[in-house]
């Protein structure tokens, strides 16, 4: 859907852009993830603007009706504590497993810069000063891994828990 929107926009196909914006917004509203409602509202505004400009009455009516329905829909809260996203939890799991930035980026098929942005966001949201504090956050919050990293998490988690217990007894 998103690729279609980019293609239509780059090609200058305004009627298709308006229609794709509407459809993309509908998909975002249905998904109801963090930030989806705000993105959907912007897409609907763009769709409405273009449909008014081009006199596309049926689409105008559809967008207006959808805007009304969308504004009444409750926004789903994050499934994770402190507003962490699914991707941030994935990065956090790999950090807890002791992986370095490059390894995390490779495993998640993202750039090292993107991984760094996720890590900065994680540190901010978890009020952690560094990777070690972020790993401790995972243990305190009981965040459980899913998918392929589960084995790595459990071995690292045990090691990190022992370190934390040792540190607590020293205080």
N, C-alpha and C. Protein backbone atom coordinates (compact mmCIF):
# COMPACT_ATOMS: atom_id res chain seq x y z
N UNK A 1 0.84 -1.18 0.00
CA UNK A 1 0.00 0.00 0.00
C UNK A 1 0.88 1.25 0.00
N UNK A 2 1.84 1.24 0.89
CA UNK A 2 2.72 2.40 1.02
C UNK A 2 3.54 2.61 -0.25
N UNK A 3 4.00 1.52 -0.86
CA UNK A 3 4.76 1.60 -2.09
C UNK A 3 3.91 2.21 -3.20
N UNK A 4 2.64 1.81 -3.27
CA UNK A 4 1.72 2.38 -4.26
C UNK A 4 1.56 3.88 -4.07
N UNK A 5 1.49 4.29 -2.81
CA UNK A 5 1.34 5.71 -2.50
C UNK A 5 2.56 6.49 -2.98
N UNK A 6 3.75 5.95 -2.71
CA UNK A 6 4.98 6.60 -3.15
C UNK A 6 5.05 6.67 -4.68
N UNK A 7 4.69 5.57 -5.35
CA UNK A 7 4.74 5.52 -6.80
C UNK A 7 3.79 6.55 -7.42
N UNK A 8 2.57 6.58 -6.94
CA UNK A 8 1.58 7.53 -7.47
C UNK A 8 2.04 8.97 -7.25
N UNK A 9 2.57 9.24 -6.08
CA UNK A 9 3.04 10.59 -5.77
C UNK A 9 4.20 10.97 -6.68
N UNK A 10 5.17 10.08 -6.83
CA UNK A 10 6.35 10.36 -7.66
C UNK A 10 5.96 10.53 -9.13
N UNK A 11 4.93 9.81 -9.55
CA UNK A 11 4.51 9.87 -10.95
C UNK A 11 3.58 11.03 -11.23
N UNK A 12 3.08 11.68 -10.19
CA UNK A 12 2.19 12.82 -10.37
C UNK A 12 0.76 12.44 -10.71
N UNK A 13 0.36 11.23 -10.38
CA UNK A 13 -1.00 10.76 -10.66
C UNK A 13 -1.92 11.19 -9.51
N UNK A 14 -2.40 12.42 -9.56
CA UNK A 14 -3.18 12.96 -8.44
C UNK A 14 -4.42 12.15 -8.08
N UNK A 15 -5.24 11.72 -9.06
CA UNK A 15 -6.42 10.93 -8.65
C UNK A 15 -6.02 9.65 -7.91
N UNK A 16 -4.95 9.02 -8.38
CA UNK A 16 -4.49 7.79 -7.73
C UNK A 16 -3.90 8.08 -6.35
N UNK A 17 -3.21 9.24 -6.23
CA UNK A 17 -2.68 9.62 -4.92
C UNK A 17 -3.82 9.79 -3.93
N UNK A 18 -4.88 10.48 -4.37
CA UNK A 18 -6.02 10.71 -3.48
C UNK A 18 -6.65 9.39 -3.05
N UNK A 19 -6.83 8.50 -3.99
CA UNK A 19 -7.44 7.21 -3.69
C UNK A 19 -6.53 6.35 -2.80
N UNK A 20 -5.23 6.35 -3.12
CA UNK A 20 -4.29 5.56 -2.34
C UNK A 20 -4.16 6.10 -0.92
N UNK A 21 -4.17 7.43 -0.76
CA UNK A 21 -4.13 8.03 0.58
C UNK A 21 -5.31 7.53 1.41
N UNK A 22 -6.48 7.50 0.78
CA UNK A 22 -7.69 7.04 1.47
C UNK A 22 -7.53 5.59 1.90
N UNK A 23 -7.09 4.73 0.96
CA UNK A 23 -6.95 3.31 1.26
C UNK A 23 -5.87 3.04 2.31
N UNK A 24 -4.76 3.76 2.20
CA UNK A 24 -3.67 3.61 3.15
C UNK A 24 -4.13 4.03 4.55
N UNK A 25 -4.86 5.14 4.62
CA UNK A 25 -5.39 5.61 5.91
C UNK A 25 -6.33 4.58 6.51
N UNK A 26 -7.15 3.97 5.68
CA UNK A 26 -8.07 2.95 6.16
C UNK A 26 -7.31 1.76 6.76
N UNK A 27 -6.24 1.35 6.09
CA UNK A 27 -5.42 0.25 6.60
C UNK A 27 -4.78 0.61 7.93
N UNK A 28 -4.30 1.85 8.05
CA UNK A 28 -3.68 2.29 9.30
C UNK A 28 -4.69 2.32 10.45
N UNK A 29 -5.88 2.80 10.16
CA UNK A 29 -6.93 2.87 11.19
C UNK A 29 -7.29 1.46 11.65
N UNK A 30 -7.39 0.54 10.70
CA UNK A 30 -7.71 -0.84 11.06
C UNK A 30 -6.61 -1.48 11.91
N UNK A 31 -5.36 -1.20 11.53
CA UNK A 31 -4.23 -1.75 12.30
C UNK A 31 -4.21 -1.16 13.70
N UNK A 32 -4.49 0.15 13.81
CA UNK A 32 -4.62 0.85 15.09
C UNK A 32 -3.37 0.74 15.96
N UNK A 33 -2.21 0.84 15.33
CA UNK A 33 -0.96 0.82 16.08
C UNK A 33 -0.62 2.20 16.61
N UNK A 34 0.45 2.27 17.36
CA UNK A 34 0.90 3.55 17.90
C UNK A 34 1.24 4.50 16.76
N UNK A 35 0.64 5.66 16.75
CA UNK A 35 0.91 6.67 15.73
C UNK A 35 0.10 6.51 14.45
N UNK A 36 -0.62 5.39 14.32
CA UNK A 36 -1.36 5.15 13.08
C UNK A 36 -2.50 6.14 12.87
N UNK A 37 -3.21 6.50 13.95
CA UNK A 37 -4.32 7.44 13.80
C UNK A 37 -3.85 8.79 13.30
N UNK A 38 -2.73 9.27 13.82
CA UNK A 38 -2.20 10.57 13.38
C UNK A 38 -1.80 10.53 11.91
N UNK A 39 -1.12 9.46 11.50
CA UNK A 39 -0.73 9.31 10.10
C UNK A 39 -1.97 9.22 9.21
N UNK A 40 -2.96 8.46 9.67
CA UNK A 40 -4.18 8.29 8.88
C UNK A 40 -4.90 9.63 8.69
N UNK A 41 -4.95 10.44 9.75
CA UNK A 41 -5.61 11.75 9.62
C UNK A 41 -4.92 12.62 8.58
N UNK A 42 -3.59 12.61 8.57
CA UNK A 42 -2.85 13.39 7.57
C UNK A 42 -3.13 12.88 6.16
N UNK A 43 -3.15 11.57 6.01
CA UNK A 43 -3.44 10.99 4.69
C UNK A 43 -4.86 11.33 4.23
N UNK A 44 -5.81 11.28 5.15
CA UNK A 44 -7.18 11.62 4.81
C UNK A 44 -7.31 13.10 4.43
N UNK A 45 -6.58 13.97 5.13
CA UNK A 45 -6.60 15.39 4.77
C UNK A 45 -6.04 15.59 3.37
N UNK A 46 -4.96 14.90 3.04
CA UNK A 46 -4.38 15.01 1.71
C UNK A 46 -5.35 14.49 0.65
N UNK A 47 -5.97 13.36 0.94
CA UNK A 47 -6.93 12.78 0.01
C UNK A 47 -8.10 13.73 -0.22
N UNK A 48 -8.59 14.32 0.84
CA UNK A 48 -9.71 15.26 0.72
C UNK A 48 -9.31 16.49 -0.08
N UNK A 49 -8.14 17.02 0.19
CA UNK A 49 -7.65 18.20 -0.52
C UNK A 49 -7.56 17.94 -2.03
N UNK A 50 -6.99 16.82 -2.40
CA UNK A 50 -6.84 16.49 -3.82
C UNK A 50 -8.21 16.22 -4.44
N UNK A 51 -9.07 15.49 -3.73
CA UNK A 51 -10.38 15.17 -4.30
C UNK A 51 -11.23 16.43 -4.47
N UNK A 52 -11.08 17.41 -3.60
CA UNK A 52 -11.79 18.69 -3.77
C UNK A 52 -11.22 19.42 -4.99
N UNK A 53 -9.89 19.46 -5.07
CA UNK A 53 -9.22 20.13 -6.19
C UNK A 53 -9.64 19.55 -7.54
N UNK A 54 -9.79 18.23 -7.60
CA UNK A 54 -10.11 17.57 -8.86
C UNK A 54 -11.60 17.32 -9.04
N UNK A 55 -12.41 17.69 -8.05
CA UNK A 55 -13.85 17.50 -8.15
C UNK A 55 -14.28 16.04 -8.10
N UNK A 56 -13.60 15.26 -7.30
CA UNK A 56 -13.89 13.83 -7.17
C UNK A 56 -14.92 13.63 -6.05
N UNK A 57 -16.18 13.92 -6.35
CA UNK A 57 -17.25 13.92 -5.34
C UNK A 57 -17.40 12.61 -4.57
N UNK A 58 -17.43 11.46 -5.23
CA UNK A 58 -17.59 10.22 -4.46
C UNK A 58 -16.46 10.01 -3.45
N UNK A 59 -15.23 10.32 -3.85
CA UNK A 59 -14.11 10.16 -2.93
C UNK A 59 -14.20 11.17 -1.79
N UNK A 60 -14.60 12.41 -2.12
CA UNK A 60 -14.76 13.45 -1.07
C UNK A 60 -15.72 12.95 0.01
N UNK A 61 -16.86 12.42 -0.43
CA UNK A 61 -17.87 11.94 0.51
C UNK A 61 -17.33 10.78 1.34
N UNK A 62 -16.62 9.88 0.67
CA UNK A 62 -16.06 8.73 1.37
C UNK A 62 -15.03 9.16 2.41
N UNK A 63 -14.16 10.09 2.04
CA UNK A 63 -13.12 10.58 2.96
C UNK A 63 -13.77 11.26 4.16
N UNK A 64 -14.75 12.12 3.90
CA UNK A 64 -15.41 12.84 5.00
C UNK A 64 -16.09 11.86 5.96
N UNK A 65 -16.75 10.85 5.41
CA UNK A 65 -17.42 9.85 6.26
C UNK A 65 -16.38 9.06 7.06
N UNK A 66 -15.29 8.72 6.38
CA UNK A 66 -14.25 7.95 7.06
C UNK A 66 -13.57 8.77 8.15
N UNK A 67 -13.35 10.06 7.90
CA UNK A 67 -12.76 10.93 8.92
C UNK A 67 -13.62 10.95 10.18
N UNK A 68 -14.92 10.99 9.97
CA UNK A 68 -15.84 11.00 11.10
C UNK A 68 -15.75 9.69 11.90
N UNK A 69 -15.75 8.57 11.19
CA UNK A 69 -15.65 7.26 11.86
C UNK A 69 -14.31 7.12 12.56
N UNK A 70 -13.25 7.56 11.91
CA UNK A 70 -11.91 7.41 12.46
C UNK A 70 -11.72 8.23 13.73
N UNK A 71 -12.33 9.39 13.79
CA UNK A 71 -12.15 10.24 14.96
C UNK A 71 -12.84 9.66 16.20
N UNK A 72 -13.84 8.80 15.98
CA UNK A 72 -14.54 8.18 17.09
C UNK A 72 -13.86 6.93 17.62
N UNK A 73 -12.91 6.42 16.86
CA UNK A 73 -12.25 5.16 17.21
C UNK A 73 -11.18 5.39 18.28
N UNK A 74 -11.18 4.58 19.35
CA UNK A 74 -10.15 4.75 20.39
C UNK A 74 -8.79 4.31 19.88
N UNK A 75 -7.75 4.96 20.36
CA UNK A 75 -6.38 4.62 20.00
C UNK A 75 -5.90 3.50 20.91
N UNK A 76 -5.30 2.48 20.33
CA UNK A 76 -4.80 1.36 21.11
C UNK A 76 -3.53 1.76 21.85
N UNK A 77 -3.48 1.42 23.10
CA UNK A 77 -2.29 1.71 23.89
C UNK A 77 -1.17 0.75 23.49
N UNK A 78 0.04 1.15 23.74
CA UNK A 78 1.19 0.30 23.44
C UNK A 78 1.09 -0.98 24.26
N UNK A 79 1.49 -2.09 23.64
CA UNK A 79 1.47 -3.37 24.33
C UNK A 79 2.62 -3.47 25.32
N UNK A 80 3.59 -2.61 25.19
CA UNK A 80 4.81 -2.70 26.00
C UNK A 80 4.88 -1.51 26.96
N UNK A 81 5.60 -1.68 28.06
CA UNK A 81 5.70 -0.61 29.05
C UNK A 81 6.42 0.62 28.49
N UNK A 82 6.09 1.76 29.05
CA UNK A 82 6.74 3.04 28.76
C UNK A 82 6.70 3.43 27.29
N UNK A 83 5.70 2.93 26.57
CA UNK A 83 5.53 3.33 25.17
C UNK A 83 6.52 2.71 24.20
N UNK A 84 7.21 1.66 24.62
CA UNK A 84 8.15 0.99 23.71
C UNK A 84 7.39 0.36 22.55
N UNK A 85 7.98 0.42 21.36
CA UNK A 85 7.39 -0.21 20.19
C UNK A 85 7.88 -1.65 20.08
N UNK A 86 7.24 -2.42 19.22
CA UNK A 86 7.65 -3.80 18.99
C UNK A 86 9.12 -3.85 18.55
N UNK A 87 9.50 -2.97 17.63
CA UNK A 87 10.88 -2.97 17.12
C UNK A 87 11.87 -2.60 18.23
N UNK A 88 11.50 -1.65 19.08
CA UNK A 88 12.38 -1.28 20.19
C UNK A 88 12.56 -2.43 21.15
N UNK A 89 11.51 -3.21 21.37
CA UNK A 89 11.62 -4.37 22.25
C UNK A 89 12.53 -5.41 21.61
N UNK A 90 12.45 -5.56 20.28
CA UNK A 90 13.35 -6.48 19.58
C UNK A 90 14.80 -6.04 19.75
N UNK A 91 15.06 -4.74 19.56
CA UNK A 91 16.41 -4.21 19.73
C UNK A 91 16.86 -4.40 21.17
N UNK A 92 15.98 -4.11 22.10
CA UNK A 92 16.30 -4.26 23.52
C UNK A 92 16.65 -5.70 23.86
N UNK A 93 15.96 -6.64 23.27
CA UNK A 93 16.26 -8.05 23.50
C UNK A 93 17.66 -8.42 23.02
N UNK A 94 18.04 -7.87 21.87
CA UNK A 94 19.36 -8.17 21.33
C UNK A 94 20.45 -7.45 22.12
N UNK A 95 20.14 -6.26 22.62
CA UNK A 95 21.08 -5.55 23.50
C UNK A 95 21.29 -6.38 24.77
N UNK A 96 20.21 -6.88 25.33
CA UNK A 96 20.27 -7.70 26.54
C UNK A 96 21.06 -8.98 26.29
N UNK A 97 20.99 -9.48 25.05
CA UNK A 97 21.74 -10.69 24.70
C UNK A 97 23.22 -10.39 24.47
N UNK A 98 23.62 -9.12 24.59
CA UNK A 98 25.02 -8.76 24.49
C UNK A 98 25.50 -8.43 23.08
N UNK A 99 24.57 -8.26 22.16
CA UNK A 99 24.96 -7.95 20.78
C UNK A 99 25.38 -6.49 20.66
N UNK A 100 26.29 -6.22 19.73
CA UNK A 100 26.72 -4.85 19.47
C UNK A 100 25.88 -4.28 18.34
N UNK A 101 25.99 -2.96 18.13
CA UNK A 101 25.15 -2.27 17.15
C UNK A 101 25.13 -2.94 15.78
N UNK A 102 26.30 -3.26 15.27
CA UNK A 102 26.40 -3.84 13.93
C UNK A 102 25.68 -5.18 13.87
N UNK A 103 25.83 -5.99 14.89
CA UNK A 103 25.18 -7.31 14.93
C UNK A 103 23.65 -7.16 15.01
N UNK A 104 23.20 -6.21 15.80
CA UNK A 104 21.76 -5.96 15.91
C UNK A 104 21.20 -5.52 14.57
N UNK A 105 21.89 -4.57 13.94
CA UNK A 105 21.45 -4.07 12.64
C UNK A 105 21.36 -5.20 11.61
N UNK A 106 22.38 -6.04 11.58
CA UNK A 106 22.38 -7.18 10.65
C UNK A 106 21.22 -8.12 10.92
N UNK A 107 21.05 -8.47 12.17
CA UNK A 107 20.00 -9.42 12.52
C UNK A 107 18.61 -8.90 12.19
N UNK A 108 18.39 -7.60 12.36
CA UNK A 108 17.07 -7.01 12.11
C UNK A 108 16.94 -6.45 10.70
N UNK A 109 17.99 -6.58 9.90
CA UNK A 109 18.01 -6.07 8.52
C UNK A 109 17.69 -4.57 8.47
N UNK A 110 18.36 -3.82 9.34
CA UNK A 110 18.23 -2.37 9.35
C UNK A 110 19.63 -1.77 9.33
N UNK A 111 19.72 -0.48 9.09
CA UNK A 111 21.04 0.15 9.09
C UNK A 111 21.52 0.36 10.52
N UNK A 112 22.81 0.53 10.67
CA UNK A 112 23.38 0.80 11.99
C UNK A 112 22.83 2.12 12.53
N UNK A 113 22.63 3.10 11.64
CA UNK A 113 22.05 4.38 12.07
C UNK A 113 20.65 4.19 12.63
N UNK A 114 19.84 3.40 11.95
CA UNK A 114 18.48 3.14 12.43
C UNK A 114 18.52 2.43 13.77
N UNK A 115 19.41 1.46 13.90
CA UNK A 115 19.56 0.76 15.18
C UNK A 115 19.94 1.75 16.27
N UNK A 116 20.85 2.67 15.97
CA UNK A 116 21.25 3.69 16.94
C UNK A 116 20.09 4.58 17.35
N UNK A 117 19.24 4.92 16.38
CA UNK A 117 18.05 5.72 16.70
C UNK A 117 17.11 4.95 17.62
N UNK A 118 16.93 3.66 17.34
CA UNK A 118 16.09 2.84 18.22
C UNK A 118 16.68 2.79 19.63
N UNK A 119 17.98 2.61 19.71
CA UNK A 119 18.63 2.51 21.02
C UNK A 119 18.50 3.82 21.80
N UNK A 120 18.69 4.96 21.13
CA UNK A 120 18.51 6.26 21.81
C UNK A 120 17.09 6.40 22.33
N UNK A 121 16.12 5.98 21.52
CA UNK A 121 14.73 6.05 21.94
C UNK A 121 14.48 5.14 23.14
N UNK A 122 15.05 3.94 23.10
CA UNK A 122 14.91 2.99 24.22
C UNK A 122 15.49 3.59 25.50
N UNK A 123 16.69 4.14 25.41
CA UNK A 123 17.34 4.71 26.60
C UNK A 123 16.50 5.84 27.17
N UNK A 124 15.92 6.64 26.28
CA UNK A 124 15.09 7.75 26.73
C UNK A 124 13.80 7.25 27.39
N UNK A 125 13.11 6.33 26.73
CA UNK A 125 11.84 5.83 27.25
C UNK A 125 12.00 5.04 28.54
N UNK A 126 13.12 4.35 28.68
CA UNK A 126 13.33 3.52 29.88
C UNK A 126 14.10 4.26 30.96
N UNK A 127 14.44 5.50 30.67
CA UNK A 127 15.22 6.32 31.61
C UNK A 127 16.51 5.61 32.01
N UNK A 128 17.16 5.03 30.99
CA UNK A 128 18.42 4.32 31.20
C UNK A 128 19.57 5.15 30.67
N UNK A 129 20.69 5.10 31.34
CA UNK A 129 21.86 5.87 30.92
C UNK A 129 22.72 5.12 29.90
N UNK A 130 22.60 3.78 29.90
CA UNK A 130 23.45 2.99 29.01
C UNK A 130 22.80 1.63 28.77
N UNK A 131 23.51 0.79 28.01
CA UNK A 131 23.01 -0.54 27.66
C UNK A 131 22.78 -1.43 28.88
N UNK A 132 23.67 -1.33 29.86
CA UNK A 132 23.54 -2.16 31.06
C UNK A 132 22.27 -1.82 31.82
N UNK A 133 21.99 -0.54 31.94
CA UNK A 133 20.75 -0.14 32.63
C UNK A 133 19.53 -0.57 31.83
N UNK A 134 19.64 -0.54 30.50
CA UNK A 134 18.53 -1.00 29.67
C UNK A 134 18.30 -2.50 29.87
N UNK A 135 19.38 -3.27 29.98
CA UNK A 135 19.26 -4.71 30.24
C UNK A 135 18.61 -4.96 31.60
N UNK A 136 18.99 -4.16 32.58
CA UNK A 136 18.38 -4.29 33.91
C UNK A 136 16.89 -3.96 33.84
N UNK A 137 16.53 -2.99 33.01
CA UNK A 137 15.13 -2.61 32.81
C UNK A 137 14.33 -3.83 32.32
N UNK A 138 14.92 -4.58 31.38
CA UNK A 138 14.26 -5.77 30.84
C UNK A 138 13.92 -6.73 31.97
N UNK A 139 14.85 -6.93 32.87
CA UNK A 139 14.64 -7.87 33.96
C UNK A 139 13.60 -7.34 34.95
N UNK A 140 13.72 -6.05 35.31
CA UNK A 140 12.76 -5.46 36.25
C UNK A 140 11.34 -5.52 35.71
N UNK A 141 11.19 -5.28 34.41
CA UNK A 141 9.86 -5.25 33.80
C UNK A 141 9.36 -6.61 33.37
N UNK A 142 10.24 -7.60 33.39
CA UNK A 142 9.83 -8.94 32.99
C UNK A 142 9.50 -9.06 31.52
N UNK A 143 10.15 -8.24 30.69
CA UNK A 143 9.90 -8.33 29.25
C UNK A 143 10.42 -9.66 28.75
N UNK A 144 9.57 -10.40 28.12
CA UNK A 144 9.95 -11.71 27.61
C UNK A 144 10.18 -11.62 26.12
N UNK A 145 11.18 -12.33 25.64
CA UNK A 145 11.46 -12.34 24.22
C UNK A 145 10.44 -13.18 23.46
N UNK A 146 10.39 -12.96 22.16
CA UNK A 146 9.65 -13.86 21.31
C UNK A 146 10.47 -14.08 20.06
N UNK A 147 10.22 -15.18 19.41
CA UNK A 147 10.93 -15.44 18.17
C UNK A 147 12.30 -16.05 18.39
N UNK A 148 13.21 -15.75 17.48
CA UNK A 148 14.50 -16.42 17.40
C UNK A 148 15.45 -16.08 18.54
N UNK A 149 15.29 -14.96 19.21
CA UNK A 149 16.26 -14.55 20.21
C UNK A 149 15.98 -15.13 21.59
N UNK A 150 14.94 -15.93 21.73
CA UNK A 150 14.55 -16.42 23.05
C UNK A 150 15.68 -17.15 23.77
N UNK A 151 16.38 -18.04 23.07
CA UNK A 151 17.47 -18.78 23.69
C UNK A 151 18.58 -17.86 24.15
N UNK A 152 18.93 -16.89 23.31
CA UNK A 152 19.98 -15.95 23.66
C UNK A 152 19.56 -15.12 24.87
N UNK A 153 18.30 -14.71 24.89
CA UNK A 153 17.81 -13.90 26.00
C UNK A 153 17.92 -14.67 27.30
N UNK A 154 17.47 -15.93 27.29
CA UNK A 154 17.41 -16.66 28.56
C UNK A 154 18.81 -16.85 29.14
N UNK A 155 19.81 -17.16 28.30
CA UNK A 155 21.15 -17.35 28.84
C UNK A 155 21.73 -16.02 29.31
N UNK A 156 21.51 -14.96 28.56
CA UNK A 156 22.01 -13.65 28.95
C UNK A 156 21.27 -13.14 30.18
N UNK A 157 19.97 -13.40 30.22
CA UNK A 157 19.16 -12.93 31.34
C UNK A 157 19.65 -13.55 32.64
N UNK A 158 19.94 -14.82 32.62
CA UNK A 158 20.43 -15.49 33.83
C UNK A 158 21.74 -14.86 34.28
N UNK A 159 22.64 -14.62 33.35
CA UNK A 159 23.92 -14.00 33.66
C UNK A 159 23.72 -12.59 34.20
N UNK A 160 22.85 -11.83 33.57
CA UNK A 160 22.60 -10.45 34.00
C UNK A 160 21.93 -10.43 35.36
N UNK A 161 21.01 -11.37 35.60
CA UNK A 161 20.35 -11.43 36.91
C UNK A 161 21.36 -11.70 38.02
N UNK A 162 22.30 -12.60 37.76
CA UNK A 162 23.32 -12.92 38.76
C UNK A 162 24.17 -11.69 39.06
N UNK A 163 24.53 -10.97 38.00
CA UNK A 163 25.32 -9.74 38.17
C UNK A 163 24.56 -8.73 39.01
N UNK A 164 23.26 -8.55 38.71
CA UNK A 164 22.45 -7.59 39.46
C UNK A 164 22.33 -7.99 40.92
N UNK A 165 22.12 -9.31 41.17
CA UNK A 165 22.00 -9.78 42.55
C UNK A 165 23.30 -9.53 43.32
N UNK A 166 24.42 -9.75 42.65
CA UNK A 166 25.72 -9.50 43.28
C UNK A 166 25.88 -8.02 43.61
N UNK A 167 25.47 -7.17 42.67
CA UNK A 167 25.57 -5.72 42.88
C UNK A 167 24.68 -5.26 44.01
N UNK A 168 23.46 -5.86 44.11
CA UNK A 168 22.52 -5.47 45.15
C UNK A 168 23.05 -5.84 46.54
N UNK A 169 23.73 -6.97 46.63
CA UNK A 169 24.26 -7.39 47.93
C UNK A 169 25.43 -6.51 48.36
N UNK A 170 26.09 -5.88 47.39
CA UNK A 170 27.23 -5.00 47.69
C UNK A 170 26.78 -3.66 48.21
N UNK A 171 25.54 -3.28 47.91
CA UNK A 171 25.04 -1.97 48.30
C UNK A 171 24.55 -1.92 49.70
